[in-house]
Amino acid sequence: MGKVEKQILNSIDNLSDDILDFTRRLVAEPSTLGNEAPAMEVMEAELKKLSFNPARILIDPVKLSEHRASD
């Protein structure tokens, strides 16, 4: 195993409690179609904690239903 791989594994080990906490909080929230907001709020808060600036983009359900991939 190379140096980079060892560093990655060490980082994961050091952050495992945080990773598990985030995962528990995320899966505890509803996220079914049309009820995604609670899970999105958990994700948004976590991204902000990591110094990201998440943006919410509203989806037009009519346009989405007209998309050829929605068949």
C-alpha atoms as a PDB file:
ATOM      1  CA  MET A   1       0.000   0.000   0.000  1.00  0.00           C
ATOM      2  CA  GLY A   2       1.300   3.416  -0.957  1.00  0.00           C
ATOM      3  CA  LYS A   3       1.703   6.507   1.190  1.00  0.00           C
ATOM      4  CA  VAL A   4      -1.395   8.211  -0.214  1.00  0.00           C
ATOM      5  CA  GLU A   5      -3.566   5.155   0.405  1.00  0.00           C
ATOM      6  CA  LYS A   6      -2.331   4.985   4.007  1.00  0.00           C
ATOM      7  CA  GLN A   7      -3.118   8.671   4.513  1.00  0.00           C
ATOM      8  CA  ILE A   8      -6.625   8.204   3.141  1.00  0.00           C
ATOM      9  CA  LEU A   9      -7.285   5.198   5.367  1.00  0.00           C
ATOM     10  CA  ASN A  10      -5.918   7.045   8.408  1.00  0.00           C
ATOM     11  CA  SER A  11      -8.176  10.012   7.658  1.00  0.00           C
ATOM     12  CA  ILE A  12     -11.187   7.731   7.391  1.00  0.00           C
ATOM     13  CA  ASP A  13     -10.266   6.036  10.663  1.00  0.00           C
ATOM     14  CA  ASN A  14      -9.872   9.410  12.386  1.00  0.00           C
ATOM     15  CA  LEU A  15     -13.211  10.655  11.057  1.00  0.00           C
ATOM     16  CA  SER A  16     -15.186   7.432  11.435  1.00  0.00           C
ATOM     17  CA  ASP A  17     -17.304   8.733  14.330  1.00  0.00           C
ATOM     18  CA  ASP A  18     -18.207  11.875  12.360  1.00  0.00           C
ATOM     19  CA  ILE A  19     -18.930   9.844   9.215  1.00  0.00           C
ATOM     20  CA  LEU A  20     -21.217   7.481  11.108  1.00  0.00           C
ATOM     21  CA  ASP A  21     -22.971  10.347  12.911  1.00  0.00           C
ATOM     22  CA  PHE A  22     -23.687  12.114   9.622  1.00  0.00           C
ATOM     23  CA  THR A  23     -24.875   8.896   7.987  1.00  0.00           C
ATOM     24  CA  ARG A  24     -27.222   8.151  10.906  1.00  0.00           C
ATOM     25  CA  ARG A  25     -28.683  11.653  10.800  1.00  0.00           C
ATOM     26  CA  LEU A  26     -29.132  11.517   7.030  1.00  0.00           C
ATOM     27  CA  VAL A  27     -30.852   8.128   6.839  1.00  0.00           C
ATOM     28  CA  ALA A  28     -33.080   8.996   9.810  1.00  0.00           C
ATOM     29  CA  GLU A  29     -34.784  11.686   7.726  1.00  0.00           C
ATOM     30  CA  PRO A  30     -37.503  10.997   5.168  1.00  0.00           C
ATOM     31  CA  SER A  31     -36.275  11.215   1.600  1.00  0.00           C
ATOM     32  CA  THR A  32     -38.960   9.642  -0.532  1.00  0.00           C
ATOM     33  CA  LEU A  33     -40.093  11.310  -3.742  1.00  0.00           C
ATOM     34  CA  GLY A  34     -41.786  14.582  -2.870  1.00  0.00           C
ATOM     35  CA  ASN A  35     -40.561  14.461   0.726  1.00  0.00           C
ATOM     36  CA  GLU A  36     -36.850  15.090   0.263  1.00  0.00           C
ATOM     37  CA  ALA A  37     -36.596  18.356   2.215  1.00  0.00           C
ATOM     38  CA  PRO A  38     -35.653  16.881   5.626  1.00  0.00           C
ATOM     39  CA  ALA A  39     -32.759  14.890   4.177  1.00  0.00           C
ATOM     40  CA  MET A  40     -31.686  17.856   2.076  1.00  0.00           C
ATOM     41  CA  GLU A  41     -31.573  20.034   5.200  1.00  0.00           C
ATOM     42  CA  VAL A  42     -29.238  17.545   6.913  1.00  0.00           C
ATOM     43  CA  MET A  43     -27.027  17.470   3.826  1.00  0.00           C
ATOM     44  CA  GLU A  44     -27.035  21.261   3.517  1.00  0.00           C
ATOM     45  CA  ALA A  45     -26.046  21.719   7.169  1.00  0.00           C
ATOM     46  CA  GLU A  46     -23.203  19.222   6.829  1.00  0.00           C
ATOM     47  CA  LEU A  47     -21.891  20.909   3.680  1.00  0.00           C
ATOM     48  CA  LYS A  48     -21.947  24.295   5.429  1.00  0.00           C
ATOM     49  CA  LYS A  49     -20.028  22.768   8.347  1.00  0.00           C
ATOM     50  CA  LEU A  50     -17.386  21.749   5.801  1.00  0.00           C
ATOM     51  CA  SER A  51     -17.215  25.343   4.438  1.00  0.00           C
ATOM     52  CA  PHE A  52     -19.183  24.637   1.273  1.00  0.00           C
ATOM     53  CA  ASN A  53     -21.842  27.038   0.059  1.00  0.00           C
ATOM     54  CA  PRO A  54     -24.697  24.805  -1.131  1.00  0.00           C
ATOM     55  CA  ALA A  55     -27.380  26.255  -3.369  1.00  0.00           C
ATOM     56  CA  ARG A  56     -30.947  25.016  -3.654  1.00  0.00           C
ATOM     57  CA  ILE A  57     -32.269  24.780  -7.180  1.00  0.00           C
ATOM     58  CA  LEU A  58     -36.005  24.398  -7.560  1.00  0.00           C
ATOM     59  CA  ILE A  59     -37.160  21.787 -10.019  1.00  0.00           C
ATOM     60  CA  ASP A  60     -40.160  22.423 -12.236  1.00  0.00           C
ATOM     61  CA  PRO A  61     -42.208  19.195 -12.005  1.00  0.00           C
ATOM     62  CA  VAL A  62     -43.962  19.858 -15.322  1.00  0.00           C
ATOM     63  CA  LYS A  63     -40.700  20.320 -17.223  1.00  0.00           C
ATOM     64  CA  LEU A  64     -39.238  17.304 -15.454  1.00  0.00           C
ATOM     65  CA  SER A  65     -42.200  15.121 -16.426  1.00  0.00           C
ATOM     66  CA  GLU A  66     -41.765  16.211 -20.052  1.00  0.00           C
ATOM     67  CA  HIS A  67     -38.129  15.141 -20.126  1.00  0.00           C
ATOM     68  CA  ARG A  68     -37.561  12.095 -22.329  1.00  0.00           C
ATOM     69  CA  ALA A  69     -35.688  10.286 -19.522  1.00  0.00           C
ATOM     70  CA  SER A  70     -38.778  10.355 -17.299  1.00  0.00           C
ATOM     71  CA  ASP A  71     -40.549   7.680 -19.387  1.00  0.00           C
END
